Amino acid sequence: MRVAEQGNLASDSGLDRMLDAEKTLNQIADSVNTIAEMAIQMATAVEEQAQVSDQINEQVESISSLASVNFEKGAQSAASVEKMEKIAAELHELVVRFK
């Protein structure tokens, strides 16, 4: 009977070890799944940040383009003002001459 009892004890011990190993493997699998979900979330966040970065880049390009147009319009306005000052001076000379 002792051999049978020792066999049962060894069997029970083996079963306990197997159940502990199964529990540990399940915890590892859960951790791996959690890490995989976190990786997916990080990839999604990176993609969203890339989209926002692209939008910001487009807006900066648009602002740069508008600034260039404004600069050109300012230069044209300055040239127009200069011409008007010249015409005003010429008109003033004519008025003085005919007085």
C-alpha atoms as a PDB file:
ATOM      1  CA  MET A   1       0.000   0.000   0.000  1.00  0.00           C
ATOM      2  CA  ARG A   2       2.842   2.356   0.641  1.00  0.00           C
ATOM      3  CA  VAL A   3       3.854   2.301  -3.002  1.00  0.00           C
ATOM      4  CA  ALA A   4       0.296   3.140  -3.992  1.00  0.00           C
ATOM      5  CA  GLU A   5       0.195   6.007  -1.478  1.00  0.00           C
ATOM      6  CA  GLN A   6       3.526   7.308  -2.689  1.00  0.00           C
ATOM      7  CA  GLY A   7       2.240   7.058  -6.264  1.00  0.00           C
ATOM      8  CA  ASN A   8      -0.889   9.004  -5.309  1.00  0.00           C
ATOM      9  CA  LEU A   9       1.189  11.670  -3.531  1.00  0.00           C
ATOM     10  CA  ALA A  10       3.528  11.964  -6.498  1.00  0.00           C
ATOM     11  CA  SER A  11       0.541  12.135  -8.824  1.00  0.00           C
ATOM     12  CA  ASP A  12      -1.118  14.831  -6.701  1.00  0.00           C
ATOM     13  CA  SER A  13       2.142  16.772  -6.539  1.00  0.00           C
ATOM     14  CA  GLY A  14       2.567  16.491 -10.300  1.00  0.00           C
ATOM     15  CA  LEU A  15      -1.020  17.645 -10.811  1.00  0.00           C
ATOM     16  CA  ASP A  16      -0.455  20.656  -8.514  1.00  0.00           C
ATOM     17  CA  ARG A  17       2.682  21.573 -10.432  1.00  0.00           C
ATOM     18  CA  MET A  18       0.847  21.228 -13.722  1.00  0.00           C
ATOM     19  CA  LEU A  19      -1.997  23.435 -12.469  1.00  0.00           C
ATOM     20  CA  ASP A  20       0.506  26.030 -11.231  1.00  0.00           C
ATOM     21  CA  ALA A  21       2.284  25.930 -14.594  1.00  0.00           C
ATOM     22  CA  GLU A  22      -1.062  26.347 -16.398  1.00  0.00           C
ATOM     23  CA  LYS A  23      -1.927  29.316 -14.166  1.00  0.00           C
ATOM     24  CA  THR A  24       1.481  30.886 -14.843  1.00  0.00           C
ATOM     25  CA  LEU A  25       1.143  30.326 -18.596  1.00  0.00           C
ATOM     26  CA  ASN A  26      -2.322  31.907 -18.546  1.00  0.00           C
ATOM     27  CA  GLN A  27      -0.894  34.944 -16.727  1.00  0.00           C
ATOM     28  CA  ILE A  28       1.875  35.184 -19.316  1.00  0.00           C
ATOM     29  CA  ALA A  29      -0.666  34.932 -22.149  1.00  0.00           C
ATOM     30  CA  ASP A  30      -2.772  37.664 -20.530  1.00  0.00           C
ATOM     31  CA  SER A  31       0.317  39.874 -20.211  1.00  0.00           C
ATOM     32  CA  VAL A  32       1.227  39.275 -23.857  1.00  0.00           C
ATOM     33  CA  ASN A  33      -2.324  40.212 -24.903  1.00  0.00           C
ATOM     34  CA  THR A  34      -2.155  43.374 -22.793  1.00  0.00           C
ATOM     35  CA  ILE A  35       1.178  44.319 -24.368  1.00  0.00           C
ATOM     36  CA  ALA A  36      -0.241  43.658 -27.853  1.00  0.00           C
ATOM     37  CA  GLU A  37      -3.239  45.903 -27.111  1.00  0.00           C
ATOM     38  CA  MET A  38      -0.921  48.624 -25.834  1.00  0.00           C
ATOM     39  CA  ALA A  39       1.179  48.345 -28.998  1.00  0.00           C
ATOM     40  CA  ILE A  40      -1.962  48.759 -31.117  1.00  0.00           C
ATOM     41  CA  GLN A  41      -2.970  51.816 -29.080  1.00  0.00           C
ATOM     42  CA  MET A  42       0.498  53.317 -29.476  1.00  0.00           C
ATOM     43  CA  ALA A  43       0.439  52.677 -33.230  1.00  0.00           C
ATOM     44  CA  THR A  44      -2.957  54.372 -33.454  1.00  0.00           C
ATOM     45  CA  ALA A  45      -1.676  57.345 -31.457  1.00  0.00           C
ATOM     46  CA  VAL A  46       1.400  57.636 -33.682  1.00  0.00           C
ATOM     47  CA  GLU A  47      -0.805  57.554 -36.786  1.00  0.00           C
ATOM     48  CA  GLU A  48      -3.058  60.264 -35.344  1.00  0.00           C
ATOM     49  CA  GLN A  49      -0.022  62.385 -34.479  1.00  0.00           C
ATOM     50  CA  ALA A  50       1.282  61.956 -38.028  1.00  0.00           C
ATOM     51  CA  GLN A  51      -2.061  63.139 -39.405  1.00  0.00           C
ATOM     52  CA  VAL A  52      -2.039  66.176 -37.105  1.00  0.00           C
ATOM     53  CA  SER A  53       1.552  66.887 -38.122  1.00  0.00           C
ATOM     54  CA  ASP A  54       0.546  66.748 -41.792  1.00  0.00           C
ATOM     55  CA  GLN A  55      -2.350  69.133 -41.136  1.00  0.00           C
ATOM     56  CA  ILE A  56      -0.052  71.536 -39.308  1.00  0.00           C
ATOM     57  CA  ASN A  57       2.425  71.343 -42.185  1.00  0.00           C
ATOM     58  CA  GLU A  58      -0.340  72.171 -44.676  1.00  0.00           C
ATOM     59  CA  GLN A  59      -1.444  75.133 -42.553  1.00  0.00           C
ATOM     60  CA  VAL A  60       2.127  76.425 -42.271  1.00  0.00           C
ATOM     61  CA  GLU A  61       2.521  76.176 -46.050  1.00  0.00           C
ATOM     62  CA  SER A  62      -0.771  78.025 -46.494  1.00  0.00           C
ATOM     63  CA  ILE A  63       0.337  80.760 -44.085  1.00  0.00           C
ATOM     64  CA  SER A  64       3.675  81.023 -45.880  1.00  0.00           C
ATOM     65  CA  SER A  65       1.908  81.364 -49.218  1.00  0.00           C
ATOM     66  CA  LEU A  66      -0.421  84.037 -47.843  1.00  0.00           C
ATOM     67  CA  ALA A  67       2.536  85.881 -46.343  1.00  0.00           C
ATOM     68  CA  SER A  68       4.240  85.890 -49.746  1.00  0.00           C
ATOM     69  CA  VAL A  69       1.087  87.229 -51.408  1.00  0.00           C
ATOM     70  CA  ASN A  70       0.774  89.900 -48.713  1.00  0.00           C
ATOM     71  CA  PHE A  71       4.405  90.882 -49.211  1.00  0.00           C
ATOM     72  CA  GLU A  72       3.855  91.228 -52.967  1.00  0.00           C
ATOM     73  CA  LYS A  73       0.680  93.265 -52.404  1.00  0.00           C
ATOM     74  CA  GLY A  74       2.547  95.455 -49.929  1.00  0.00           C
ATOM     75  CA  ALA A  75       5.302  96.055 -52.475  1.00  0.00           C
ATOM     76  CA  GLN A  76       2.690  96.919 -55.102  1.00  0.00           C
ATOM     77  CA  SER A  77       0.976  99.294 -52.667  1.00  0.00           C
ATOM     78  CA  ALA A  78       4.288 100.967 -51.867  1.00  0.00           C
ATOM     79  CA  ALA A  79       4.979 101.409 -55.592  1.00  0.00           C
ATOM     80  CA  SER A  80       1.485 102.853 -56.082  1.00  0.00           C
ATOM     81  CA  VAL A  81       1.973 105.279 -53.201  1.00  0.00           C
ATOM     82  CA  GLU A  82       5.305 106.341 -54.668  1.00  0.00           C
ATOM     83  CA  LYS A  83       3.656 106.971 -58.059  1.00  0.00           C
ATOM     84  CA  MET A  84       0.853 108.932 -56.384  1.00  0.00           C
ATOM     85  CA  GLU A  85       3.387 111.060 -54.511  1.00  0.00           C
ATOM     86  CA  LYS A  86       5.163 111.764 -57.802  1.00  0.00           C
ATOM     87  CA  ILE A  87       1.884 112.697 -59.514  1.00  0.00           C
ATOM     88  CA  ALA A  88       0.906 114.882 -56.543  1.00  0.00           C
ATOM     89  CA  ALA A  89       4.256 116.668 -56.739  1.00  0.00           C
ATOM     90  CA  GLU A  90       3.815 117.222 -60.490  1.00  0.00           C
ATOM     91  CA  LEU A  91       0.284 118.527 -59.958  1.00  0.00           C
ATOM     92  CA  HIS A  92       1.542 120.825 -57.239  1.00  0.00           C
ATOM     93  CA  GLU A  93       4.157 122.205 -59.654  1.00  0.00           C
ATOM     94  CA  LEU A  94       1.452 122.823 -62.267  1.00  0.00           C
ATOM     95  CA  VAL A  95      -0.762 124.587 -59.749  1.00  0.00           C
ATOM     96  CA  VAL A  96       2.136 126.768 -58.609  1.00  0.00           C
ATOM     97  CA  ARG A  97       3.051 127.558 -62.217  1.00  0.00           C
ATOM     98  CA  PHE A  98      -0.464 128.648 -63.162  1.00  0.00           C
ATOM     99  CA  LYS A  99      -1.023 130.798 -60.101  1.00  0.00           C
END
